[in-house]
Amino acid sequence: MNHFKETMQRFFSGSYSETDLKNLFFRLNSEKGQDEIGQLFDESRNFINFDDDIPVDSEKMLKNIRKGIKRKKLLQLKRNLAQLLPYAAMLILILGSIFFYYHKKSIDKVAFNN
């Protein structure tokens, strides 16, 4: 557990090696690693003083969440439109060609009848 604790400290301080990262990944994906990380969180919870008197503006939080959701939906809509743009251009090109062909045909018909 002590080696695991040291590796976690190196990870969070940003001074870990590639080997540390691989070992940490495999350790956290094991059952033993899950238990160890749970113990570390339980231990660290005892040292942190949680202030229950922190005011929380739930309306502001809800407004920010809604803003984020709207932004995400707008971004997704823009992506979808960007993907459809080439198809729309091809459709306009095809319809324009058909219109031009029939319009020219009718002009030629009028010119030959006179």
Protein backbone atom coordinates (compact mmCIF):
# COMPACT_ATOMS: atom_id res chain seq x y z
CA MET A 1 0.00 0.00 0.00
CA ASN A 2 2.85 2.37 0.78
CA HIS A 3 4.33 1.97 -2.72
CA PHE A 4 0.87 2.59 -4.17
CA LYS A 5 0.53 5.74 -2.05
CA GLU A 6 3.90 7.03 -3.26
CA THR A 7 2.99 6.33 -6.88
CA MET A 8 -0.29 8.20 -6.44
CA GLN A 9 1.57 11.16 -4.95
CA ARG A 10 4.00 11.20 -7.91
CA PHE A 11 1.05 11.01 -10.29
CA PHE A 12 -0.78 13.96 -8.77
CA SER A 13 2.40 16.02 -8.53
CA GLY A 14 3.16 15.30 -12.20
CA SER A 15 6.53 13.68 -11.51
CA TYR A 16 5.67 10.15 -12.61
CA SER A 17 7.45 7.96 -15.13
CA GLU A 18 5.87 5.95 -17.93
CA THR A 19 6.40 2.80 -15.85
CA ASP A 20 4.63 4.43 -12.89
CA LEU A 21 1.73 5.31 -15.16
CA LYS A 22 1.42 1.77 -16.53
CA ASN A 23 1.65 0.23 -13.06
CA LEU A 24 -0.91 2.69 -11.73
CA PHE A 25 -3.29 1.94 -14.60
CA PHE A 26 -3.10 -1.82 -14.04
CA ARG A 27 -3.33 -1.40 -10.26
CA LEU A 28 -6.43 0.80 -10.42
CA ASN A 29 -8.11 -1.64 -12.79
CA SER A 30 -7.64 -4.49 -10.34
CA GLU A 31 -9.89 -5.32 -7.40
CA LYS A 32 -7.04 -4.82 -4.93
CA GLY A 33 -6.29 -1.42 -6.45
CA GLN A 34 -9.92 -0.38 -6.12
CA ASP A 35 -9.83 -1.28 -2.44
CA GLU A 36 -6.57 0.63 -1.93
CA ILE A 37 -7.86 3.79 -3.62
CA GLY A 38 -11.00 3.58 -1.48
CA GLN A 39 -8.84 3.38 1.64
CA LEU A 40 -6.75 6.36 0.53
CA PHE A 41 -9.86 8.45 -0.01
CA ASP A 42 -11.22 7.42 3.37
CA GLU A 43 -7.93 8.35 5.04
CA SER A 44 -7.69 11.70 3.28
CA ARG A 45 -11.30 12.53 4.14
CA ASN A 46 -10.32 12.58 7.82
CA PHE A 47 -7.73 15.31 7.18
CA ILE A 48 -9.96 17.59 5.14
CA ASN A 49 -12.24 19.99 6.98
CA PHE A 50 -15.50 20.32 5.14
CA ASP A 51 -17.25 23.60 5.77
CA ASP A 52 -20.99 22.96 5.82
CA ASP A 53 -21.74 26.67 5.97
CA ILE A 54 -20.59 27.39 2.41
CA PRO A 55 -23.47 29.16 0.69
CA VAL A 56 -24.59 27.48 -2.52
CA ASP A 57 -26.52 29.43 -5.13
CA SER A 58 -28.49 26.58 -6.66
CA GLU A 59 -30.27 28.87 -9.14
CA LYS A 60 -26.93 30.06 -10.49
CA MET A 61 -25.66 26.49 -10.69
CA LEU A 62 -28.79 25.38 -12.54
CA LYS A 63 -28.48 28.34 -14.93
CA ASN A 64 -24.85 27.43 -15.67
CA ILE A 65 -25.77 23.80 -16.27
CA ARG A 66 -28.54 24.82 -18.67
CA LYS A 67 -26.15 27.19 -20.47
CA GLY A 68 -23.66 24.37 -20.87
CA ILE A 69 -26.33 22.04 -22.24
CA LYS A 70 -27.47 24.68 -24.75
CA ARG A 71 -23.89 25.31 -25.83
CA LYS A 72 -23.34 21.59 -26.33
CA LYS A 73 -26.55 21.22 -28.35
CA LEU A 74 -25.64 24.22 -30.52
CA LEU A 75 -22.18 22.81 -31.16
CA GLN A 76 -23.71 19.45 -32.13
CA LEU A 77 -26.15 21.20 -34.49
CA LYS A 78 -23.28 23.09 -36.13
CA ARG A 79 -21.38 19.84 -36.60
CA ASN A 80 -24.42 18.17 -38.15
CA LEU A 81 -24.99 21.08 -40.52
CA ALA A 82 -21.34 21.06 -41.53
CA GLN A 83 -21.65 17.36 -42.39
CA LEU A 84 -24.79 17.97 -44.46
CA LEU A 85 -23.40 20.94 -46.37
CA PRO A 86 -21.68 18.93 -49.16
CA TYR A 87 -24.90 16.98 -49.79
CA ALA A 88 -26.94 20.18 -49.94
CA ALA A 89 -24.45 21.66 -52.42
CA MET A 90 -24.72 18.57 -54.64
CA LEU A 91 -28.51 18.71 -54.52
CA ILE A 92 -28.51 22.39 -55.50
CA LEU A 93 -26.09 21.64 -58.34
CA ILE A 94 -28.24 18.79 -59.63
CA LEU A 95 -31.50 20.76 -59.38
CA GLY A 96 -29.86 23.78 -61.01
CA SER A 97 -28.60 21.62 -63.87
CA ILE A 98 -32.05 20.11 -64.40
CA PHE A 99 -33.67 23.55 -64.35
CA PHE A 100 -31.10 24.94 -66.79
CA TYR A 101 -31.55 21.94 -69.13
CA TYR A 102 -35.36 22.24 -69.27
CA HIS A 103 -35.25 26.04 -69.48
CA LYS A 104 -32.79 25.88 -72.42
CA LYS A 105 -34.93 23.19 -74.07
CA SER A 106 -38.03 25.38 -73.87
CA ILE A 107 -36.13 28.41 -75.24
CA ASP A 108 -34.84 26.30 -78.16
CA LYS A 109 -38.37 25.06 -78.83
CA VAL A 110 -39.71 28.64 -78.97
CA ALA A 111 -36.80 29.73 -81.22
CA PHE A 112 -37.37 26.89 -83.70
CA ASN A 113 -41.15 27.47 -83.86
CA ASN A 114 -40.72 31.10 -84.98
